[in-house]
């Protein structure tokens, strides 16, 4: 089983996470995470349709590939902070049992005029334990 998703936004970077942790407003990161996850879940629902939101991958090992398209010159390590927001959004939607079953993560950076990430998840279709 394989699904492909396009998340059309610029997600938070590690530099921004670091700035929030040094901020006197301790809830800044939490608020940013909630807003981004709400948007990500909306994007996934729009692409898959509410009727297709189910535990596709179960407890099976998955391979997740992220292709980060960015109009800025962030290094790949900085861009990948949004990976956790995407994985947690998929957890909340229930497309898999938990992101802890991810056995491999791949990242690729693409210089682009637009900001978005293509996410490909591969694994065996199974609604329960492997």
N, C-alpha and C. Protein backbone atom coordinates (compact mmCIF):
# COMPACT_ATOMS: atom_id res chain seq x y z
N UNK A 1 0.84 -1.18 0.00
CA UNK A 1 0.00 0.00 0.00
C UNK A 1 0.89 1.24 0.00
N UNK A 2 0.47 2.25 -0.74
CA UNK A 2 1.20 3.51 -0.80
C UNK A 2 0.21 4.67 -0.91
N UNK A 3 0.48 5.73 -0.17
CA UNK A 3 -0.30 6.96 -0.35
C UNK A 3 0.67 8.11 -0.55
N UNK A 4 0.23 9.09 -1.34
CA UNK A 4 1.01 10.30 -1.58
C UNK A 4 0.16 11.49 -1.18
N UNK A 5 0.78 12.42 -0.46
CA UNK A 5 0.10 13.61 0.02
C UNK A 5 0.91 14.84 -0.34
N UNK A 6 0.24 15.94 -0.60
CA UNK A 6 0.90 17.21 -0.84
C UNK A 6 0.40 18.20 0.20
N UNK A 7 1.30 18.64 1.05
CA UNK A 7 0.97 19.60 2.10
C UNK A 7 1.43 20.97 1.59
N UNK A 8 0.48 21.81 1.22
CA UNK A 8 0.81 23.07 0.56
C UNK A 8 0.92 24.23 1.54
N UNK A 9 2.03 24.26 2.22
CA UNK A 9 2.34 25.37 3.12
C UNK A 9 3.82 25.31 3.48
N UNK A 10 4.35 26.39 3.99
CA UNK A 10 5.70 26.37 4.54
C UNK A 10 5.55 26.02 6.00
N UNK A 11 6.10 24.90 6.40
CA UNK A 11 6.01 24.46 7.79
C UNK A 11 7.11 25.11 8.62
N UNK A 12 6.96 25.02 9.90
CA UNK A 12 7.90 25.60 10.86
C UNK A 12 9.30 25.00 10.65
N UNK A 13 10.34 25.82 10.88
CA UNK A 13 11.72 25.35 10.75
C UNK A 13 12.32 25.16 12.14
N UNK A 14 13.46 24.47 12.20
CA UNK A 14 14.12 24.27 13.50
C UNK A 14 14.59 25.60 14.09
N UNK A 15 14.97 26.56 13.24
CA UNK A 15 15.36 27.87 13.77
C UNK A 15 14.18 28.52 14.50
N UNK A 16 12.99 28.40 13.95
CA UNK A 16 11.80 28.97 14.58
C UNK A 16 11.46 28.24 15.88
N UNK A 17 11.63 26.93 15.89
CA UNK A 17 11.40 26.16 17.12
C UNK A 17 12.36 26.65 18.21
N UNK A 18 13.62 26.83 17.85
CA UNK A 18 14.62 27.30 18.82
C UNK A 18 14.26 28.68 19.36
N UNK A 19 13.80 29.57 18.50
CA UNK A 19 13.41 30.91 18.95
C UNK A 19 12.24 30.83 19.92
N UNK A 20 11.31 29.93 19.66
CA UNK A 20 10.14 29.79 20.55
C UNK A 20 10.54 29.26 21.92
N UNK A 21 11.51 28.35 21.95
CA UNK A 21 11.91 27.79 23.24
C UNK A 21 12.61 28.82 24.11
N UNK A 22 13.22 29.83 23.50
CA UNK A 22 13.88 30.88 24.27
C UNK A 22 12.93 32.04 24.56
N UNK A 23 11.73 31.98 24.01
CA UNK A 23 10.75 33.04 24.20
C UNK A 23 10.18 33.00 25.61
N UNK A 24 9.73 34.14 26.09
CA UNK A 24 9.09 34.19 27.40
C UNK A 24 7.65 33.70 27.34
N UNK A 25 7.15 33.48 26.13
CA UNK A 25 5.79 32.96 25.97
C UNK A 25 5.89 31.46 25.75
N UNK A 26 5.73 30.70 26.80
CA UNK A 26 5.95 29.25 26.74
C UNK A 26 4.92 28.53 25.88
N UNK A 27 3.78 29.15 25.62
CA UNK A 27 2.75 28.48 24.83
C UNK A 27 2.87 28.76 23.33
N UNK A 28 3.88 29.52 22.92
CA UNK A 28 4.06 29.88 21.52
C UNK A 28 4.23 28.65 20.63
N UNK A 29 5.10 27.72 21.02
CA UNK A 29 5.33 26.51 20.25
C UNK A 29 4.06 25.66 20.18
N UNK A 30 3.41 25.48 21.30
CA UNK A 30 2.19 24.68 21.35
C UNK A 30 1.12 25.25 20.42
N UNK A 31 0.96 26.57 20.42
CA UNK A 31 -0.02 27.19 19.54
C UNK A 31 0.35 27.02 18.08
N UNK A 32 1.63 27.17 17.75
CA UNK A 32 2.09 26.99 16.37
C UNK A 32 1.86 25.55 15.91
N UNK A 33 2.17 24.59 16.79
CA UNK A 33 1.99 23.18 16.46
C UNK A 33 0.51 22.87 16.20
N UNK A 34 -0.37 23.36 17.05
CA UNK A 34 -1.81 23.12 16.88
C UNK A 34 -2.31 23.68 15.56
N UNK A 35 -1.90 24.92 15.24
CA UNK A 35 -2.34 25.55 13.99
C UNK A 35 -1.83 24.79 12.78
N UNK A 36 -0.57 24.40 12.81
CA UNK A 36 -0.02 23.70 11.66
C UNK A 36 -0.66 22.32 11.50
N UNK A 37 -0.87 21.61 12.60
CA UNK A 37 -1.49 20.30 12.51
C UNK A 37 -2.93 20.39 12.04
N UNK A 38 -3.65 21.41 12.44
CA UNK A 38 -5.01 21.60 11.96
C UNK A 38 -5.01 21.77 10.44
N UNK A 39 -4.08 22.56 9.93
CA UNK A 39 -3.97 22.77 8.49
C UNK A 39 -3.57 21.48 7.78
N UNK A 40 -2.60 20.77 8.32
CA UNK A 40 -2.13 19.52 7.70
C UNK A 40 -3.26 18.50 7.63
N UNK A 41 -4.01 18.34 8.71
CA UNK A 41 -5.13 17.38 8.71
C UNK A 41 -6.18 17.79 7.69
N UNK A 42 -6.44 19.08 7.55
CA UNK A 42 -7.38 19.55 6.54
C UNK A 42 -6.89 19.18 5.14
N UNK A 43 -5.61 19.39 4.86
CA UNK A 43 -5.03 19.05 3.57
C UNK A 43 -5.17 17.55 3.28
N UNK A 44 -4.89 16.72 4.28
CA UNK A 44 -4.99 15.26 4.09
C UNK A 44 -6.43 14.85 3.84
N UNK A 45 -7.36 15.40 4.61
CA UNK A 45 -8.79 15.08 4.40
C UNK A 45 -9.24 15.48 3.01
N UNK A 46 -8.80 16.63 2.54
CA UNK A 46 -9.18 17.11 1.21
C UNK A 46 -8.68 16.16 0.13
N UNK A 47 -7.49 15.60 0.32
CA UNK A 47 -6.89 14.74 -0.70
C UNK A 47 -7.41 13.31 -0.66
N UNK A 48 -7.62 12.79 0.54
CA UNK A 48 -8.07 11.40 0.68
C UNK A 48 -9.58 11.27 0.74
N UNK A 49 -10.25 12.31 1.19
CA UNK A 49 -11.70 12.24 1.40
C UNK A 49 -11.99 11.64 2.76
N UNK A 50 -12.98 12.19 3.44
CA UNK A 50 -13.31 11.73 4.79
C UNK A 50 -13.65 10.25 4.83
N UNK A 51 -14.22 9.71 3.75
CA UNK A 51 -14.60 8.30 3.72
C UNK A 51 -13.39 7.38 3.66
N UNK A 52 -12.23 7.91 3.28
CA UNK A 52 -11.02 7.09 3.15
C UNK A 52 -10.04 7.30 4.30
N UNK A 53 -10.46 8.01 5.32
CA UNK A 53 -9.61 8.19 6.50
C UNK A 53 -9.80 6.96 7.39
N UNK A 54 -8.83 6.06 7.32
CA UNK A 54 -8.88 4.83 8.10
C UNK A 54 -7.45 4.41 8.41
N UNK A 55 -7.30 3.44 9.28
CA UNK A 55 -5.98 2.94 9.66
C UNK A 55 -5.47 2.03 8.55
N UNK A 56 -4.88 2.64 7.54
CA UNK A 56 -4.40 1.93 6.36
C UNK A 56 -3.21 1.03 6.69
N UNK A 57 -2.29 1.53 7.51
CA UNK A 57 -1.01 0.85 7.72
C UNK A 57 -0.94 0.03 9.00
N UNK A 58 -1.88 0.22 9.92
CA UNK A 58 -1.87 -0.55 11.16
C UNK A 58 -0.57 -0.41 11.90
N UNK A 59 -0.07 -1.53 12.42
CA UNK A 59 1.20 -1.58 13.15
C UNK A 59 2.36 -1.99 12.24
N UNK A 60 2.11 -2.04 10.93
CA UNK A 60 3.15 -2.45 9.98
C UNK A 60 4.23 -1.39 9.87
N UNK A 61 5.43 -1.84 9.58
CA UNK A 61 6.55 -0.93 9.36
C UNK A 61 6.29 -0.13 8.09
N UNK A 62 6.56 1.16 8.16
CA UNK A 62 6.37 2.03 7.00
C UNK A 62 7.68 2.73 6.65
N UNK A 63 7.74 3.15 5.39
CA UNK A 63 8.82 4.00 4.90
C UNK A 63 8.16 5.31 4.50
N UNK A 64 8.65 6.42 5.05
CA UNK A 64 8.06 7.72 4.78
C UNK A 64 9.12 8.58 4.09
N UNK A 65 8.74 9.12 2.93
CA UNK A 65 9.62 10.00 2.17
C UNK A 65 9.03 11.40 2.14
N UNK A 66 9.88 12.37 2.44
CA UNK A 66 9.49 13.77 2.42
C UNK A 66 10.30 14.48 1.34
N UNK A 67 9.61 15.18 0.45
CA UNK A 67 10.27 16.00 -0.56
C UNK A 67 9.90 17.45 -0.27
N UNK A 68 10.85 18.18 0.28
CA UNK A 68 10.62 19.55 0.77
C UNK A 68 10.88 20.54 -0.35
N UNK A 69 9.85 21.20 -0.84
CA UNK A 69 9.97 22.25 -1.86
C UNK A 69 9.98 23.57 -1.13
N UNK A 70 10.99 24.39 -1.41
CA UNK A 70 11.13 25.63 -0.65
C UNK A 70 11.68 26.75 -1.53
N UNK A 71 11.13 27.94 -1.33
CA UNK A 71 11.60 29.13 -2.04
C UNK A 71 12.71 29.83 -1.26
N UNK A 72 13.02 29.34 -0.09
CA UNK A 72 14.08 29.93 0.74
C UNK A 72 15.30 29.03 0.72
N UNK A 73 16.41 29.52 1.21
CA UNK A 73 17.65 28.76 1.20
C UNK A 73 17.92 28.06 2.53
N UNK A 74 16.87 27.54 3.16
CA UNK A 74 17.08 26.76 4.39
C UNK A 74 17.79 25.47 4.06
N UNK A 75 18.65 25.04 4.96
CA UNK A 75 19.26 23.73 4.77
C UNK A 75 18.23 22.65 5.09
N UNK A 76 18.45 21.47 4.57
CA UNK A 76 17.50 20.37 4.71
C UNK A 76 17.20 20.05 6.17
N UNK A 77 18.23 20.06 7.01
CA UNK A 77 18.02 19.77 8.44
C UNK A 77 17.08 20.76 9.10
N UNK A 78 17.13 22.01 8.69
CA UNK A 78 16.26 23.03 9.26
C UNK A 78 14.82 22.85 8.79
N UNK A 79 14.64 22.48 7.53
CA UNK A 79 13.30 22.31 6.98
C UNK A 79 12.54 21.15 7.61
N UNK A 80 13.25 20.13 8.04
CA UNK A 80 12.60 18.89 8.47
C UNK A 80 11.90 18.95 9.81
N UNK A 81 11.90 20.10 10.46
CA UNK A 81 11.17 20.23 11.74
C UNK A 81 9.69 19.93 11.55
N UNK A 82 9.15 20.28 10.39
CA UNK A 82 7.74 20.03 10.10
C UNK A 82 7.38 18.57 10.00
N UNK A 83 8.38 17.70 9.87
CA UNK A 83 8.15 16.26 9.79
C UNK A 83 7.33 15.75 10.99
N UNK A 84 7.67 16.21 12.18
CA UNK A 84 6.97 15.75 13.38
C UNK A 84 5.52 16.20 13.38
N UNK A 85 5.26 17.41 12.89
CA UNK A 85 3.87 17.88 12.81
C UNK A 85 3.06 17.03 11.84
N UNK A 86 3.69 16.65 10.73
CA UNK A 86 3.01 15.81 9.75
C UNK A 86 2.73 14.43 10.35
N UNK A 87 3.73 13.81 10.98
CA UNK A 87 3.56 12.49 11.58
C UNK A 87 2.50 12.51 12.67
N UNK A 88 2.50 13.54 13.51
CA UNK A 88 1.50 13.63 14.57
C UNK A 88 0.10 13.85 13.99
N UNK A 89 0.00 14.58 12.89
CA UNK A 89 -1.29 14.76 12.23
C UNK A 89 -1.82 13.44 11.69
N UNK A 90 -0.93 12.65 11.11
CA UNK A 90 -1.32 11.33 10.60
C UNK A 90 -1.73 10.43 11.76
N UNK A 91 -1.02 10.53 12.89
CA UNK A 91 -1.42 9.79 14.09
C UNK A 91 -2.85 10.16 14.49
N UNK A 92 -3.12 11.46 14.58
CA UNK A 92 -4.44 11.93 15.02
C UNK A 92 -5.55 11.52 14.06
N UNK A 93 -5.25 11.49 12.77
CA UNK A 93 -6.25 11.05 11.79
C UNK A 93 -6.43 9.53 11.81
N UNK A 94 -5.41 8.82 12.28
CA UNK A 94 -5.50 7.37 12.37
C UNK A 94 -5.18 6.62 11.08
N UNK A 95 -4.32 7.19 10.22
CA UNK A 95 -3.92 6.49 9.00
C UNK A 95 -2.97 5.34 9.29
N UNK A 96 -2.34 5.38 10.45
CA UNK A 96 -1.50 4.28 10.95
C UNK A 96 -1.71 4.22 12.45
N UNK A 97 -1.25 3.18 13.09
CA UNK A 97 -1.45 3.06 14.54
C UNK A 97 -0.61 4.08 15.29
N UNK A 98 0.63 4.30 14.86
CA UNK A 98 1.50 5.27 15.51
C UNK A 98 2.75 5.45 14.64
N UNK A 99 3.32 6.65 14.66
CA UNK A 99 4.52 6.88 13.85
C UNK A 99 5.75 6.15 14.38
N UNK A 100 5.64 5.54 15.54
CA UNK A 100 6.78 4.76 16.06
C UNK A 100 7.05 3.53 15.21
N UNK A 101 6.10 3.14 14.34
CA UNK A 101 6.29 1.99 13.46
C UNK A 101 7.02 2.37 12.17
N UNK A 102 7.38 3.63 12.02
CA UNK A 102 8.15 4.05 10.85
C UNK A 102 9.54 3.46 10.95
N UNK A 103 9.94 2.70 9.93
CA UNK A 103 11.25 2.05 9.98
C UNK A 103 12.31 2.83 9.20
N UNK A 104 11.85 3.72 8.32
CA UNK A 104 12.81 4.49 7.53
C UNK A 104 12.18 5.83 7.15
N UNK A 105 12.98 6.88 7.22
CA UNK A 105 12.54 8.22 6.84
C UNK A 105 13.55 8.77 5.84
N UNK A 106 13.04 9.27 4.73
CA UNK A 106 13.90 9.87 3.69
C UNK A 106 13.51 11.33 3.50
N UNK A 107 14.52 12.16 3.26
CA UNK A 107 14.28 13.58 3.02
C UNK A 107 15.00 14.02 1.76
N UNK A 108 14.36 14.91 1.02
CA UNK A 108 14.95 15.50 -0.17
C UNK A 108 14.54 16.97 -0.21
N UNK A 109 15.47 17.88 -0.52
CA UNK A 109 15.18 19.29 -0.64
C UNK A 109 15.14 19.67 -2.11
N UNK A 110 14.13 20.45 -2.52
CA UNK A 110 13.98 20.90 -3.90
C UNK A 110 13.84 22.42 -3.89
N UNK A 111 14.72 23.09 -4.62
CA UNK A 111 14.63 24.55 -4.78
C UNK A 111 13.42 24.83 -5.67
N UNK A 112 12.48 25.62 -5.18
CA UNK A 112 11.22 25.83 -5.89
C UNK A 112 10.71 27.24 -5.60
N UNK A 113 9.83 27.74 -6.44
CA UNK A 113 9.21 29.04 -6.19
C UNK A 113 8.12 28.94 -5.13
N UNK A 114 7.57 27.75 -4.95
CA UNK A 114 6.49 27.51 -4.00
C UNK A 114 7.01 26.75 -2.79
N UNK A 115 6.22 26.79 -1.71
CA UNK A 115 6.58 26.09 -0.47
C UNK A 115 5.55 25.00 -0.20
N UNK A 116 5.98 23.75 -0.28
CA UNK A 116 5.11 22.62 0.04
C UNK A 116 5.98 21.39 0.28
N UNK A 117 5.36 20.36 0.78
CA UNK A 117 6.08 19.10 0.97
C UNK A 117 5.24 17.96 0.39
N UNK A 118 5.91 17.08 -0.35
CA UNK A 118 5.27 15.86 -0.85
C UNK A 118 5.64 14.75 0.11
N UNK A 119 4.63 14.05 0.59
CA UNK A 119 4.85 12.97 1.55
C UNK A 119 4.38 11.67 0.92
N UNK A 120 5.25 10.67 0.89
CA UNK A 120 4.90 9.35 0.38
C UNK A 120 5.08 8.36 1.52
N UNK A 121 4.02 7.59 1.79
CA UNK A 121 4.07 6.57 2.84
C UNK A 121 3.87 5.22 2.18
N UNK A 122 4.81 4.30 2.42
CA UNK A 122 4.72 2.96 1.85
C UNK A 122 4.70 1.94 2.98
N UNK A 123 3.84 0.95 2.83
CA UNK A 123 3.75 -0.13 3.80
C UNK A 123 2.68 -1.11 3.35
N UNK A 124 2.56 -2.20 4.06
CA UNK A 124 1.56 -3.21 3.74
C UNK A 124 0.20 -2.76 4.26
N UNK A 125 -0.86 -3.01 3.51
CA UNK A 125 -2.20 -2.67 3.98
C UNK A 125 -2.62 -3.68 5.03
N UNK A 126 -2.96 -3.16 6.20
CA UNK A 126 -3.36 -4.03 7.29
C UNK A 126 -4.04 -3.14 8.33
N UNK A 127 -5.17 -3.53 8.79
CA UNK A 127 -5.89 -2.70 9.77
C UNK A 127 -5.58 -3.08 11.21
N UNK A 128 -4.72 -4.01 11.42
CA UNK A 128 -4.44 -4.43 12.79
C UNK A 128 -2.96 -4.63 12.99
N UNK A 129 -2.63 -5.53 13.87
CA UNK A 129 -1.22 -5.82 14.14
C UNK A 129 -0.63 -6.62 12.99
N UNK A 130 0.66 -6.39 12.78
CA UNK A 130 1.36 -7.08 11.70
C UNK A 130 1.53 -8.55 12.03
